[in-house]
Amino acid sequence: MEIFYGLLTAYLVVGVVLNFVGPLSRKIWVEQMRVLTQDDVSKRKYILLITTIRIRVVFLYPFFIF
């Protein structure tokens, strides 16, 4: 069971690192800028969108790499 927790931790650490470094972080930044250029986006919607994108990247980063 310890091996499982170690692999799970490594998987999540890689996902968090890719949120802030690498090609996925640039895609997130581009999406942030696209959303901010729209006039009808409230601060609450913006925060919810960016949080959702970052959480998805942490858990689903292998799909985004390819």
C-alpha atoms as a PDB file:
ATOM      1  CA  MET A   1       0.000   0.000   0.000  1.00  0.00           C
ATOM      2  CA  GLU A   2       2.920   2.330   0.650  1.00  0.00           C
ATOM      3  CA  ILE A   3       4.016   1.953  -2.963  1.00  0.00           C
ATOM      4  CA  PHE A   4       0.554   3.008  -4.122  1.00  0.00           C
ATOM      5  CA  TYR A   5       0.625   6.149  -1.977  1.00  0.00           C
ATOM      6  CA  GLY A   6       4.118   6.946  -3.214  1.00  0.00           C
ATOM      7  CA  LEU A   7       3.056   6.603  -6.855  1.00  0.00           C
ATOM      8  CA  LEU A   8      -0.101   8.641  -6.233  1.00  0.00           C
ATOM      9  CA  THR A   9       1.936  11.386  -4.591  1.00  0.00           C
ATOM     10  CA  ALA A  10       4.421  11.420  -7.469  1.00  0.00           C
ATOM     11  CA  TYR A  11       1.552  11.584  -9.992  1.00  0.00           C
ATOM     12  CA  LEU A  12      -0.040  14.549  -8.210  1.00  0.00           C
ATOM     13  CA  VAL A  13       3.302  16.344  -7.765  1.00  0.00           C
ATOM     14  CA  VAL A  14       3.966  16.103 -11.498  1.00  0.00           C
ATOM     15  CA  GLY A  15       0.475  17.495 -12.161  1.00  0.00           C
ATOM     16  CA  VAL A  16       1.038  20.442  -9.821  1.00  0.00           C
ATOM     17  CA  VAL A  17       4.443  21.178 -11.363  1.00  0.00           C
ATOM     18  CA  LEU A  18       2.927  21.145 -14.849  1.00  0.00           C
ATOM     19  CA  ASN A  19       0.375  23.714 -13.674  1.00  0.00           C
ATOM     20  CA  PHE A  20       3.125  26.277 -13.191  1.00  0.00           C
ATOM     21  CA  VAL A  21       5.990  25.133 -15.464  1.00  0.00           C
ATOM     22  CA  GLY A  22       5.922  23.818 -18.987  1.00  0.00           C
ATOM     23  CA  PRO A  23       3.614  23.887 -21.971  1.00  0.00           C
ATOM     24  CA  LEU A  24       0.440  23.333 -19.967  1.00  0.00           C
ATOM     25  CA  SER A  25       1.074  26.438 -17.890  1.00  0.00           C
ATOM     26  CA  ARG A  26       1.335  28.498 -21.072  1.00  0.00           C
ATOM     27  CA  LYS A  27      -1.975  27.109 -22.306  1.00  0.00           C
ATOM     28  CA  ILE A  28      -3.612  28.007 -19.000  1.00  0.00           C
ATOM     29  CA  TRP A  29      -2.170  31.524 -19.230  1.00  0.00           C
ATOM     30  CA  VAL A  30      -3.524  31.926 -22.773  1.00  0.00           C
ATOM     31  CA  GLU A  31      -6.957  30.803 -21.593  1.00  0.00           C
ATOM     32  CA  GLN A  32      -6.825  33.306 -18.722  1.00  0.00           C
ATOM     33  CA  MET A  33      -6.021  36.143 -21.101  1.00  0.00           C
ATOM     34  CA  ARG A  34      -8.802  35.083 -23.470  1.00  0.00           C
ATOM     35  CA  VAL A  35     -11.343  35.086 -20.664  1.00  0.00           C
ATOM     36  CA  LEU A  36     -10.168  38.430 -19.297  1.00  0.00           C
ATOM     37  CA  THR A  37     -10.658  40.111 -22.678  1.00  0.00           C
ATOM     38  CA  GLN A  38     -14.384  39.399 -22.539  1.00  0.00           C
ATOM     39  CA  ASP A  39     -16.497  42.103 -20.928  1.00  0.00           C
ATOM     40  CA  ASP A  40     -19.241  39.942 -19.426  1.00  0.00           C
ATOM     41  CA  VAL A  41     -17.071  37.740 -17.187  1.00  0.00           C
ATOM     42  CA  SER A  42     -17.462  38.353 -13.465  1.00  0.00           C
ATOM     43  CA  LYS A  43     -14.626  37.842 -11.009  1.00  0.00           C
ATOM     44  CA  ARG A  44     -16.422  34.835  -9.516  1.00  0.00           C
ATOM     45  CA  LYS A  45     -16.765  33.104 -12.899  1.00  0.00           C
ATOM     46  CA  TYR A  46     -13.133  33.832 -13.721  1.00  0.00           C
ATOM     47  CA  ILE A  47     -11.852  32.322 -10.461  1.00  0.00           C
ATOM     48  CA  LEU A  48     -14.114  29.289 -10.837  1.00  0.00           C
ATOM     49  CA  LEU A  49     -12.946  28.691 -14.417  1.00  0.00           C
ATOM     50  CA  ILE A  50      -9.249  28.969 -13.636  1.00  0.00           C
ATOM     51  CA  THR A  51      -9.590  26.785 -10.530  1.00  0.00           C
ATOM     52  CA  THR A  52     -11.458  24.138 -12.518  1.00  0.00           C
ATOM     53  CA  ILE A  53      -8.822  24.154 -15.264  1.00  0.00           C
ATOM     54  CA  ARG A  54      -5.959  23.852 -12.780  1.00  0.00           C
ATOM     55  CA  ILE A  55      -7.613  20.983 -10.875  1.00  0.00           C
ATOM     56  CA  ARG A  56      -8.257  19.133 -14.117  1.00  0.00           C
ATOM     57  CA  VAL A  57      -4.639  19.575 -15.173  1.00  0.00           C
ATOM     58  CA  VAL A  58      -3.447  18.113 -11.867  1.00  0.00           C
ATOM     59  CA  PHE A  59      -5.510  14.953 -12.310  1.00  0.00           C
ATOM     60  CA  LEU A  60      -5.637  14.578 -16.102  1.00  0.00           C
ATOM     61  CA  TYR A  61      -2.250  15.848 -17.275  1.00  0.00           C
ATOM     62  CA  PRO A  62      -1.337  12.665 -19.218  1.00  0.00           C
ATOM     63  CA  PHE A  63      -4.174  13.434 -21.640  1.00  0.00           C
ATOM     64  CA  PHE A  64      -2.898  16.968 -22.238  1.00  0.00           C
ATOM     65  CA  ILE A  65       0.718  15.972 -22.871  1.00  0.00           C
ATOM     66  CA  PHE A  66      -0.141  14.206 -26.126  1.00  0.00           C
END
